[in-house]
Amino acid sequence: MIVGDVYIHPSVKLHPTAKIGPNVSISANVRVGPGVRLINCIILDDVEIKDNAVVINSIIGWKSSIGRWSRVQASGDDNERLGITILGEAVTVEDEVAVIGSIVLQNKTLNASVQDDIIL
């Protein structure tokens, strides 16, 4: 289901049960699994978002992977200093991990939840 302003590159593999939008841009060769929810985000090339993951107010870098039942989002508090979560290139968020209000530089694997942190 598509809601609001959404750009989806023609090469994207989007499961029909995913809900996308509003304000989402999905680049080339992205794979979106069943039950995924994307809101206010930019998904760059070659990303895989697995089953039932949620991405809100975030930028997901090239070749990254979001695990099953994971959550990547901004802090949710409009008064926080960082109103977005950013994952660099080739970041892996493992299953059932929450990344909230954080910046993660390239080539990292997150196997535990993080909040309001910068992972170098």
N, C-alpha and C. Protein backbone atom coordinates (compact mmCIF):
# COMPACT_ATOMS: atom_id res chain seq x y z
N MET A 1 0.84 -1.17 0.00
CA MET A 1 0.00 0.00 0.00
C MET A 1 0.89 1.24 0.00
N ILE A 2 0.59 2.18 -0.87
CA ILE A 2 1.35 3.42 -1.00
C ILE A 2 0.50 4.58 -0.46
N VAL A 3 1.10 5.42 0.40
CA VAL A 3 0.40 6.55 1.00
C VAL A 3 1.19 7.82 0.75
N GLY A 4 0.56 8.84 0.18
CA GLY A 4 1.21 10.15 0.01
C GLY A 4 2.30 10.14 -1.04
N ASP A 5 3.24 11.10 -0.89
CA ASP A 5 4.32 11.28 -1.85
C ASP A 5 5.38 10.21 -1.66
N VAL A 6 5.55 9.37 -2.70
CA VAL A 6 6.50 8.25 -2.63
C VAL A 6 7.16 8.11 -3.99
N TYR A 7 8.50 7.92 -3.98
CA TYR A 7 9.23 7.57 -5.21
C TYR A 7 9.79 6.17 -5.02
N ILE A 8 9.50 5.28 -5.95
CA ILE A 8 10.03 3.92 -5.92
C ILE A 8 10.69 3.64 -7.26
N HIS A 9 11.99 3.36 -7.25
CA HIS A 9 12.72 3.03 -8.47
C HIS A 9 12.11 1.76 -9.09
N PRO A 10 12.06 1.67 -10.42
CA PRO A 10 11.46 0.50 -11.07
C PRO A 10 12.10 -0.85 -10.72
N SER A 11 13.36 -0.85 -10.28
CA SER A 11 14.03 -2.12 -9.97
C SER A 11 13.74 -2.63 -8.56
N VAL A 12 12.99 -1.89 -7.76
CA VAL A 12 12.71 -2.28 -6.37
C VAL A 12 11.81 -3.50 -6.33
N LYS A 13 12.14 -4.43 -5.42
CA LYS A 13 11.29 -5.60 -5.17
C LYS A 13 10.52 -5.32 -3.88
N LEU A 14 9.24 -5.01 -4.03
CA LEU A 14 8.41 -4.56 -2.93
C LEU A 14 7.31 -5.60 -2.66
N HIS A 15 7.30 -6.15 -1.45
CA HIS A 15 6.27 -7.13 -1.10
C HIS A 15 4.92 -6.40 -1.01
N PRO A 16 3.86 -7.02 -1.50
CA PRO A 16 2.55 -6.34 -1.52
C PRO A 16 1.97 -6.02 -0.15
N THR A 17 2.46 -6.63 0.93
CA THR A 17 1.94 -6.32 2.26
C THR A 17 2.69 -5.18 2.94
N ALA A 18 3.73 -4.64 2.31
CA ALA A 18 4.47 -3.51 2.88
C ALA A 18 3.63 -2.24 2.73
N LYS A 19 3.75 -1.34 3.71
CA LYS A 19 3.04 -0.05 3.65
C LYS A 19 4.10 1.05 3.56
N ILE A 20 4.05 1.82 2.48
CA ILE A 20 5.08 2.80 2.16
C ILE A 20 4.46 4.19 2.13
N GLY A 21 5.07 5.14 2.87
CA GLY A 21 4.67 6.53 2.79
C GLY A 21 4.01 7.01 4.07
N PRO A 22 3.85 8.31 4.15
CA PRO A 22 4.20 9.31 3.14
C PRO A 22 5.68 9.70 3.18
N ASN A 23 6.07 10.45 2.17
CA ASN A 23 7.41 11.06 2.06
C ASN A 23 8.53 10.03 2.11
N VAL A 24 8.52 9.11 1.16
CA VAL A 24 9.53 8.05 1.09
C VAL A 24 10.16 8.03 -0.30
N SER A 25 11.48 7.85 -0.35
CA SER A 25 12.20 7.66 -1.60
C SER A 25 12.99 6.36 -1.50
N ILE A 26 12.75 5.46 -2.46
CA ILE A 26 13.44 4.16 -2.46
C ILE A 26 14.24 4.05 -3.75
N SER A 27 15.56 3.89 -3.63
CA SER A 27 16.47 3.84 -4.78
C SER A 27 16.55 2.45 -5.39
N ALA A 28 17.47 2.28 -6.32
CA ALA A 28 17.59 1.08 -7.15
C ALA A 28 17.97 -0.17 -6.34
N ASN A 29 17.44 -1.31 -6.78
CA ASN A 29 17.80 -2.64 -6.29
C ASN A 29 17.53 -2.86 -4.80
N VAL A 30 16.54 -2.17 -4.27
CA VAL A 30 16.15 -2.35 -2.87
C VAL A 30 15.15 -3.50 -2.78
N ARG A 31 15.24 -4.29 -1.69
CA ARG A 31 14.31 -5.38 -1.44
C ARG A 31 13.56 -5.10 -0.14
N VAL A 32 12.24 -5.02 -0.25
CA VAL A 32 11.39 -4.71 0.90
C VAL A 32 10.52 -5.92 1.19
N GLY A 33 10.65 -6.47 2.39
CA GLY A 33 9.96 -7.70 2.76
C GLY A 33 8.53 -7.48 3.21
N PRO A 34 7.84 -8.58 3.56
CA PRO A 34 6.45 -8.51 3.98
C PRO A 34 6.28 -7.78 5.31
N GLY A 35 5.22 -6.99 5.41
CA GLY A 35 4.88 -6.31 6.65
C GLY A 35 5.74 -5.12 7.00
N VAL A 36 6.64 -4.71 6.11
CA VAL A 36 7.53 -3.57 6.38
C VAL A 36 6.73 -2.28 6.36
N ARG A 37 7.12 -1.33 7.22
CA ARG A 37 6.49 0.00 7.26
C ARG A 37 7.57 1.04 7.09
N LEU A 38 7.43 1.91 6.08
CA LEU A 38 8.40 2.98 5.80
C LEU A 38 7.67 4.32 5.83
N ILE A 39 8.17 5.28 6.64
CA ILE A 39 7.57 6.60 6.78
C ILE A 39 8.69 7.64 6.80
N ASN A 40 8.56 8.71 6.01
CA ASN A 40 9.51 9.83 6.03
C ASN A 40 10.96 9.37 5.99
N CYS A 41 11.33 8.64 4.96
CA CYS A 41 12.69 8.12 4.92
C CYS A 41 13.24 8.07 3.49
N ILE A 42 14.55 7.94 3.42
CA ILE A 42 15.27 7.77 2.17
C ILE A 42 16.03 6.46 2.27
N ILE A 43 15.78 5.59 1.31
CA ILE A 43 16.44 4.29 1.26
C ILE A 43 17.33 4.29 0.02
N LEU A 44 18.64 4.20 0.20
CA LEU A 44 19.57 4.26 -0.92
C LEU A 44 19.77 2.88 -1.55
N ASP A 45 20.59 2.80 -2.61
CA ASP A 45 20.73 1.60 -3.45
C ASP A 45 21.13 0.35 -2.66
N ASP A 46 20.62 -0.79 -3.15
CA ASP A 46 21.04 -2.13 -2.70
C ASP A 46 20.78 -2.41 -1.23
N VAL A 47 19.73 -1.84 -0.67
CA VAL A 47 19.36 -2.08 0.73
C VAL A 47 18.36 -3.23 0.79
N GLU A 48 18.45 -4.02 1.86
CA GLU A 48 17.44 -5.04 2.12
C GLU A 48 16.76 -4.73 3.45
N ILE A 49 15.43 -4.64 3.40
CA ILE A 49 14.64 -4.41 4.61
C ILE A 49 13.78 -5.66 4.80
N LYS A 50 14.07 -6.40 5.85
CA LYS A 50 13.45 -7.72 6.04
C LYS A 50 12.09 -7.61 6.72
N ASP A 51 11.45 -8.74 6.88
CA ASP A 51 10.06 -8.85 7.34
C ASP A 51 9.75 -8.02 8.58
N ASN A 52 8.66 -7.27 8.50
CA ASN A 52 8.07 -6.54 9.62
C ASN A 52 8.97 -5.49 10.25
N ALA A 53 9.99 -5.04 9.54
CA ALA A 53 10.85 -3.96 10.04
C ALA A 53 10.13 -2.63 9.85
N VAL A 54 10.51 -1.64 10.66
CA VAL A 54 9.93 -0.30 10.59
C VAL A 54 11.06 0.71 10.45
N VAL A 55 10.92 1.63 9.48
CA VAL A 55 11.89 2.70 9.29
C VAL A 55 11.12 4.01 9.25
N ILE A 56 11.43 4.92 10.20
CA ILE A 56 10.73 6.20 10.31
C ILE A 56 11.76 7.31 10.49
N ASN A 57 11.61 8.40 9.74
CA ASN A 57 12.48 9.58 9.86
C ASN A 57 13.96 9.20 9.82
N SER A 58 14.35 8.48 8.78
CA SER A 58 15.71 7.96 8.70
C SER A 58 16.25 7.98 7.28
N ILE A 59 17.58 7.91 7.18
CA ILE A 59 18.27 7.71 5.91
C ILE A 59 19.05 6.41 6.05
N ILE A 60 18.81 5.48 5.13
CA ILE A 60 19.48 4.18 5.17
C ILE A 60 20.48 4.13 4.02
N GLY A 61 21.76 3.97 4.35
CA GLY A 61 22.85 4.03 3.38
C GLY A 61 22.93 2.81 2.47
N TRP A 62 23.69 2.97 1.40
CA TRP A 62 23.89 1.95 0.38
C TRP A 62 24.28 0.60 1.00
N LYS A 63 23.77 -0.47 0.44
CA LYS A 63 24.16 -1.85 0.78
C LYS A 63 23.92 -2.20 2.25
N SER A 64 23.01 -1.50 2.91
CA SER A 64 22.70 -1.81 4.30
C SER A 64 21.61 -2.87 4.38
N SER A 65 21.44 -3.41 5.57
CA SER A 65 20.43 -4.45 5.79
C SER A 65 19.74 -4.19 7.12
N ILE A 66 18.41 -4.21 7.10
CA ILE A 66 17.61 -4.04 8.31
C ILE A 66 16.95 -5.39 8.60
N GLY A 67 17.20 -5.95 9.78
CA GLY A 67 16.73 -7.29 10.12
C GLY A 67 15.24 -7.36 10.42
N ARG A 68 14.76 -8.58 10.55
CA ARG A 68 13.35 -8.84 10.85
C ARG A 68 12.96 -8.22 12.20
N TRP A 69 11.79 -7.61 12.23
CA TRP A 69 11.22 -7.00 13.43
C TRP A 69 12.12 -5.92 14.03
N SER A 70 13.01 -5.33 13.24
CA SER A 70 13.87 -4.24 13.72
C SER A 70 13.17 -2.90 13.52
N ARG A 71 13.67 -1.91 14.23
CA ARG A 71 13.08 -0.57 14.15
C ARG A 71 14.21 0.43 14.04
N VAL A 72 14.15 1.28 13.00
CA VAL A 72 15.13 2.35 12.81
C VAL A 72 14.33 3.64 12.72
N GLN A 73 14.55 4.55 13.66
CA GLN A 73 13.74 5.77 13.68
C GLN A 73 14.43 6.89 14.43
N ALA A 74 13.91 8.11 14.25
CA ALA A 74 14.37 9.24 15.04
C ALA A 74 13.84 9.05 16.46
N SER A 75 14.25 9.93 17.36
CA SER A 75 13.89 9.75 18.77
C SER A 75 12.40 9.88 19.03
N GLY A 76 11.68 10.58 18.17
CA GLY A 76 10.26 10.77 18.39
C GLY A 76 9.94 12.04 19.15
N ASP A 77 10.95 12.65 19.77
CA ASP A 77 10.77 13.89 20.50
C ASP A 77 11.23 15.04 19.61
N ASP A 78 10.31 15.93 19.24
CA ASP A 78 10.65 17.04 18.35
C ASP A 78 11.66 18.00 18.95
N ASN A 79 11.86 17.96 20.25
CA ASN A 79 12.82 18.86 20.90
C ASN A 79 14.23 18.27 20.97
N GLU A 80 14.40 17.01 20.57
CA GLU A 80 15.73 16.39 20.56
C GLU A 80 16.62 17.10 19.55
N ARG A 81 17.93 17.08 19.78
CA ARG A 81 18.84 17.78 18.87
C ARG A 81 18.97 17.06 17.53
N LEU A 82 18.82 15.75 17.50
CA LEU A 82 18.93 15.00 16.25
C LEU A 82 17.56 14.44 15.90
N GLY A 83 16.93 15.02 14.88
CA GLY A 83 15.59 14.61 14.50
C GLY A 83 15.56 13.53 13.45
N ILE A 84 16.66 12.79 13.29
CA ILE A 84 16.74 11.78 12.24
C ILE A 84 17.76 10.72 12.65
N THR A 85 17.59 9.52 12.14
CA THR A 85 18.60 8.47 12.30
C THR A 85 19.25 8.25 10.94
N ILE A 86 20.57 8.12 10.92
CA ILE A 86 21.31 7.93 9.68
C ILE A 86 22.18 6.69 9.80
N LEU A 87 22.03 5.78 8.84
CA LEU A 87 22.91 4.62 8.75
C LEU A 87 23.81 4.81 7.54
N GLY A 88 25.11 4.66 7.72
CA GLY A 88 26.06 4.79 6.62
C GLY A 88 26.03 3.58 5.70
N GLU A 89 27.00 3.51 4.81
CA GLU A 89 27.08 2.42 3.84
C GLU A 89 27.38 1.09 4.51
N ALA A 90 26.72 0.03 4.05
CA ALA A 90 26.97 -1.35 4.50
C ALA A 90 26.82 -1.53 6.01
N VAL A 91 25.78 -0.95 6.57
CA VAL A 91 25.46 -1.16 7.99
C VAL A 91 24.45 -2.29 8.08
N THR A 92 24.67 -3.21 9.00
CA THR A 92 23.75 -4.31 9.23
C THR A 92 23.09 -4.13 10.59
N VAL A 93 21.78 -4.05 10.58
CA VAL A 93 20.99 -4.04 11.82
C VAL A 93 20.39 -5.43 11.92
N GLU A 94 20.80 -6.18 12.92
CA GLU A 94 20.34 -7.55 13.04
C GLU A 94 18.88 -7.61 13.49
N ASP A 95 18.31 -8.81 13.50
CA ASP A 95 16.90 -9.01 13.85
C ASP A 95 16.59 -8.47 15.24
N GLU A 96 15.41 -7.84 15.37
CA GLU A 96 14.85 -7.37 16.64
C GLU A 96 15.73 -6.35 17.35
N VAL A 97 16.39 -5.48 16.60
CA VAL A 97 17.24 -4.43 17.15
C VAL A 97 16.59 -3.07 16.86
N ALA A 98 16.60 -2.17 17.85
CA ALA A 98 16.08 -0.81 17.67
C ALA A 98 17.24 0.17 17.59
N VAL A 99 17.21 1.02 16.58
CA VAL A 99 18.20 2.09 16.43
C VAL A 99 17.42 3.39 16.43
N ILE A 100 17.55 4.17 17.50
CA ILE A 100 16.71 5.34 17.70
C ILE A 100 17.58 6.58 17.88
N GLY A 101 17.32 7.60 17.05
CA GLY A 101 18.00 8.88 17.18
C GLY A 101 19.51 8.78 17.11
N SER A 102 20.05 7.97 16.22
CA SER A 102 21.48 7.70 16.19
C SER A 102 22.08 7.89 14.80
N ILE A 103 23.40 8.02 14.77
CA ILE A 103 24.16 8.04 13.53
C ILE A 103 25.12 6.87 13.59
N VAL A 104 25.11 6.05 12.54
CA VAL A 104 25.99 4.88 12.49
C VAL A 104 26.84 4.99 11.23
N LEU A 105 28.15 5.03 11.41
CA LEU A 105 29.05 5.13 10.26
C LEU A 105 29.13 3.79 9.54
N GLN A 106 29.79 3.78 8.40
CA GLN A 106 29.80 2.64 7.48
C GLN A 106 30.41 1.38 8.06
N ASN A 107 30.01 0.24 7.47
CA ASN A 107 30.58 -1.07 7.76
C ASN A 107 30.47 -1.49 9.23
N LYS A 108 29.33 -1.21 9.84
CA LYS A 108 29.10 -1.62 11.22
C LYS A 108 27.97 -2.66 11.27
N THR A 109 28.01 -3.52 12.27
CA THR A 109 26.94 -4.46 12.54
C THR A 109 26.40 -4.17 13.92
N LEU A 110 25.10 -3.95 14.01
CA LEU A 110 24.46 -3.66 15.29
C LEU A 110 23.66 -4.89 15.72
N ASN A 111 24.09 -5.50 16.82
CA ASN A 111 23.38 -6.66 17.34
C ASN A 111 22.70 -6.37 18.66
N ALA A 112 22.76 -5.09 19.10
CA ALA A 112 22.07 -4.64 20.30
C ALA A 112 21.46 -3.27 20.01
N SER A 113 20.38 -2.96 20.69
CA SER A 113 19.70 -1.69 20.45
C SER A 113 20.54 -0.52 20.91
N VAL A 114 20.42 0.62 20.21
CA VAL A 114 21.11 1.84 20.56
C VAL A 114 20.14 3.00 20.49
N GLN A 115 20.35 4.00 21.35
CA GLN A 115 19.51 5.19 21.33
C GLN A 115 20.37 6.41 21.58
N ASP A 116 20.11 7.47 20.77
CA ASP A 116 20.81 8.75 20.91
C ASP A 116 22.31 8.57 21.01
N ASP A 117 22.89 7.87 20.03
CA ASP A 117 24.32 7.56 20.07
C ASP A 117 24.92 7.79 18.69
N ILE A 118 26.23 7.94 18.65
CA ILE A 118 26.98 8.01 17.41
C ILE A 118 27.95 6.84 17.41
N ILE A 119 27.78 5.93 16.44
CA ILE A 119 28.62 4.73 16.37
C ILE A 119 29.69 4.96 15.32
N LEU A 120 30.95 5.08 15.75
CA LEU A 120 32.05 5.34 14.82
C LEU A 120 32.69 4.07 14.34
